[in-house]
Amino acid sequence: MTALLPRPSTVLVIVALLVAAPGFATSSEPAPPTATAPSFYPMQQMYFLKKIKPDVERVGVLWKKGVQNQEDKLQALRRATTSIQAKLYLAYVEQKSDIGSQFRELTRSHDVDVIWIVENDGIVDAATPQQFLIESALKRGIPLLAPTEDWVSAGAPLAVAKNGEDFQIVLNKPAAAATSLDVPAEYESLTKLVAAK
């Protein structure tokens, strides 16, 4: 019994159509970026945080309960904080009114060294909670590691963002000084200074 194989010219046409298809990537070329490309880089955020604040031991995360892929992201957060020998404290918020009490829980009960806002989740990034978190953290002298440059423009001291293929430290210098953050000389070329609005 012989298997029926397509004629060689048919195979070439199919391969040519696949390679020419939009979005098709061969192993030698990167896949095109998508609109849903992740902006979640906990390992890089913790790496730069440790360089800027070497004495960090306790990291507090304020986060909306039930965000998409939360369990997978939580595992990534745990790996990232463990990689810098820090302990992760998690405070879930379900509504804006939870922000104050959860912030106090992290800062008073757990005495965290930094507040980490992992992502804009619709609660922590609303205007009033965002401003409360920035002002409260600054008042206590606690660095706030923000998810985006917008937070730094609003007064947060620090964010770590992807800039092309590299990562960039986004810094509000007065807020960074107020929270004892100091970018080492070797990372100054990777630092973007942003003034608060």
Protein backbone atom coordinates (compact mmCIF):
# COMPACT_ATOMS: atom_id res chain seq x y z
CA MET A 1 0.00 0.00 0.00
CA THR A 2 1.43 3.37 -0.94
CA ALA A 3 0.55 6.66 0.65
CA LEU A 4 -0.74 9.37 -1.59
CA LEU A 5 1.51 12.41 -1.43
CA PRO A 6 0.76 15.77 -2.99
CA ARG A 7 2.76 16.76 -6.00
CA PRO A 8 5.92 18.76 -5.09
CA SER A 9 4.56 21.92 -6.72
CA THR A 10 1.49 21.78 -4.44
CA VAL A 11 3.66 21.55 -1.33
CA LEU A 12 5.74 24.55 -2.42
CA VAL A 13 2.64 26.62 -3.03
CA ILE A 14 1.25 25.81 0.44
CA VAL A 15 4.56 26.65 2.15
CA ALA A 16 4.84 29.88 0.17
CA LEU A 17 1.31 30.87 1.20
CA LEU A 18 2.01 30.16 4.86
CA VAL A 19 5.25 32.15 4.90
CA ALA A 20 3.59 35.08 3.17
CA ALA A 21 0.59 35.04 5.50
CA PRO A 22 0.28 38.08 7.80
CA GLY A 23 1.51 37.34 11.30
CA PHE A 24 3.38 34.19 10.30
CA ALA A 25 6.85 34.10 11.78
CA THR A 26 9.59 31.66 11.02
CA SER A 27 11.98 30.52 13.73
CA SER A 28 14.55 33.09 12.60
CA GLU A 29 12.30 36.12 12.93
CA PRO A 30 10.43 37.36 16.00
CA ALA A 31 6.68 37.22 16.12
CA PRO A 32 5.06 40.59 15.55
CA PRO A 33 3.97 42.49 18.67
CA THR A 34 0.35 42.18 19.61
CA ALA A 35 -2.00 44.66 21.20
CA THR A 36 -2.12 42.44 24.26
CA ALA A 37 1.66 42.24 24.75
CA PRO A 38 2.39 41.86 28.47
CA SER A 39 3.66 44.76 30.56
CA PHE A 40 4.23 42.54 33.55
CA TYR A 41 7.93 42.27 34.42
CA PRO A 42 8.26 41.41 38.11
CA MET A 43 11.80 39.95 37.93
CA GLN A 44 13.15 43.06 36.24
CA GLN A 45 11.25 45.34 38.63
CA MET A 46 12.69 43.55 41.67
CA TYR A 47 16.18 43.46 40.13
CA PHE A 48 16.25 47.24 39.67
CA LEU A 49 14.55 47.87 43.02
CA LYS A 50 17.30 45.91 44.78
CA LYS A 51 19.97 47.93 42.95
CA ILE A 52 18.29 51.21 43.93
CA LYS A 53 17.29 50.15 47.46
CA PRO A 54 19.72 47.40 48.51
CA ASP A 55 18.26 47.06 52.02
CA VAL A 56 14.77 46.03 50.87
CA GLU A 57 13.50 43.04 52.87
CA ARG A 58 9.69 43.35 52.91
CA VAL A 59 7.65 44.18 49.80
CA GLY A 60 3.95 45.01 50.12
CA VAL A 61 1.63 44.59 47.14
CA LEU A 62 -1.77 46.27 46.88
CA TRP A 63 -3.81 44.50 44.23
CA LYS A 64 -7.38 44.08 43.07
CA LYS A 65 -8.72 40.64 43.91
CA GLY A 66 -9.66 38.58 40.88
CA VAL A 67 -7.65 40.16 38.06
CA GLN A 68 -7.04 38.04 34.99
CA ASN A 69 -4.36 35.33 35.47
CA GLN A 70 -3.90 36.41 39.08
CA GLU A 71 -2.64 33.07 40.38
CA ASP A 72 0.05 32.82 37.69
CA LYS A 73 1.04 36.43 38.27
CA LEU A 74 1.17 35.87 42.02
CA GLN A 75 3.61 33.00 41.51
CA ALA A 76 5.78 35.31 39.38
CA LEU A 77 5.67 37.96 42.15
CA ARG A 78 6.75 35.39 44.72
CA ARG A 79 9.65 34.22 42.55
CA ALA A 80 10.72 37.82 41.93
CA THR A 81 10.73 38.82 45.60
CA THR A 82 12.46 35.58 46.57
CA SER A 83 15.15 36.30 43.97
CA ILE A 84 16.17 39.42 45.94
CA GLN A 85 15.81 37.66 49.32
CA ALA A 86 12.73 39.71 50.23
CA LYS A 87 9.41 38.66 51.70
CA LEU A 88 6.16 39.39 49.86
CA TYR A 89 3.10 40.72 51.71
CA LEU A 90 -0.11 40.83 49.71
CA ALA A 91 -3.12 43.04 50.42
CA TYR A 92 -6.13 42.50 48.19
CA VAL A 93 -8.58 45.30 47.52
CA GLU A 94 -12.06 44.79 46.13
CA GLN A 95 -13.17 48.42 46.06
CA LYS A 96 -11.64 51.86 46.41
CA SER A 97 -12.67 52.12 50.06
CA ASP A 98 -10.36 49.17 50.89
CA ILE A 99 -7.21 51.05 49.85
CA GLY A 100 -6.63 52.97 53.10
CA SER A 101 -7.08 50.05 55.46
CA GLN A 102 -4.95 47.72 53.33
CA PHE A 103 -2.21 50.34 53.02
CA ARG A 104 -2.19 50.68 56.81
CA GLU A 105 -2.10 46.88 57.19
CA LEU A 106 0.99 46.67 54.99
CA THR A 107 2.81 49.60 56.57
CA ARG A 108 1.88 49.11 60.22
CA SER A 109 1.39 45.37 60.68
CA HIS A 110 4.05 44.22 58.23
CA ASP A 111 6.36 47.25 58.25
CA VAL A 112 7.02 46.91 54.51
CA ASP A 113 10.06 48.62 52.97
CA VAL A 114 8.31 49.31 49.66
CA ILE A 115 4.78 49.42 48.27
CA TRP A 116 4.56 47.71 44.90
CA ILE A 117 1.63 48.47 42.62
CA VAL A 118 1.84 45.58 40.19
CA GLU A 119 -0.55 46.78 37.51
CA ASN A 120 -3.29 49.25 36.77
CA ASP A 121 -6.29 47.21 37.82
CA GLY A 122 -9.14 49.72 37.77
CA ILE A 123 -9.11 50.28 41.54
CA VAL A 124 -5.62 51.31 42.64
CA ASP A 125 -5.08 53.46 39.55
CA ALA A 126 -8.27 55.50 39.90
CA ALA A 127 -7.36 59.14 40.53
CA THR A 128 -8.24 59.36 44.25
CA PRO A 129 -6.71 56.01 45.35
CA GLN A 130 -3.60 56.67 43.26
CA GLN A 131 -3.06 60.07 44.84
CA PHE A 132 -3.74 58.68 48.32
CA LEU A 133 -1.17 55.91 47.82
CA ILE A 134 1.50 58.25 46.46
CA GLU A 135 1.01 60.87 49.20
CA SER A 136 0.74 58.32 52.04
CA ALA A 137 3.84 56.43 50.93
CA LEU A 138 5.84 59.66 50.61
CA LYS A 139 4.64 60.86 54.01
CA ARG A 140 5.90 57.63 55.59
CA GLY A 141 9.13 57.70 53.55
CA ILE A 142 8.25 54.41 51.85
CA PRO A 143 9.11 54.01 48.16
CA LEU A 144 6.23 53.22 45.87
CA LEU A 145 7.20 51.06 42.88
CA ALA A 146 4.67 52.02 40.24
CA PRO A 147 3.45 50.05 37.23
CA THR A 148 3.73 52.86 34.68
CA GLU A 149 5.34 56.20 33.95
CA ASP A 150 1.96 57.89 34.49
CA TRP A 151 2.25 57.10 38.19
CA VAL A 152 5.72 58.68 38.31
CA SER A 153 4.33 61.77 36.59
CA ALA A 154 1.64 61.84 39.30
CA GLY A 155 4.34 61.88 42.03
CA ALA A 156 5.41 58.25 42.62
CA PRO A 157 9.17 57.86 42.96
CA LEU A 158 9.85 54.92 40.68
CA ALA A 159 8.69 52.66 37.87
CA VAL A 160 10.50 50.11 35.73
CA ALA A 161 9.30 50.07 32.15
CA LYS A 162 10.19 48.33 28.93
CA ASN A 163 11.81 50.66 26.41
CA GLY A 164 12.16 48.77 23.14
CA GLU A 165 14.19 45.67 23.95
CA ASP A 166 15.67 47.14 27.15
CA PHE A 167 14.31 48.09 30.52
CA GLN A 168 14.33 51.62 31.82
CA ILE A 169 14.15 53.09 35.31
CA VAL A 170 11.59 55.90 35.38
CA LEU A 171 12.38 58.21 38.27
CA ASN A 172 10.82 61.23 39.93
CA LYS A 173 13.99 62.62 41.54
CA PRO A 174 12.41 64.60 44.43
CA ALA A 175 10.13 61.68 45.38
CA ALA A 176 13.04 59.24 45.07
CA ALA A 177 15.18 61.41 47.37
CA ALA A 178 12.30 61.67 49.87
CA THR A 179 12.12 57.86 50.02
CA SER A 180 15.89 57.25 50.12
CA LEU A 181 16.18 55.80 46.63
CA ASP A 182 19.50 56.27 44.88
CA VAL A 183 20.21 55.08 41.35
CA PRO A 184 23.78 53.72 41.14
CA ALA A 185 26.02 55.42 38.56
CA GLU A 186 26.09 52.28 36.42
CA TYR A 187 22.31 52.56 35.85
CA GLU A 188 22.07 56.31 35.23
CA SER A 189 22.17 55.77 31.46
CA LEU A 190 19.07 53.57 31.82
CA THR A 191 17.21 56.17 33.88
CA LYS A 192 14.56 58.54 32.58
CA LEU A 193 13.83 61.49 34.87
CA VAL A 194 10.18 62.52 34.99
CA ALA A 195 8.85 65.61 36.72
CA ALA A 196 5.62 65.39 38.69
CA LYS A 197 2.70 67.28 37.15
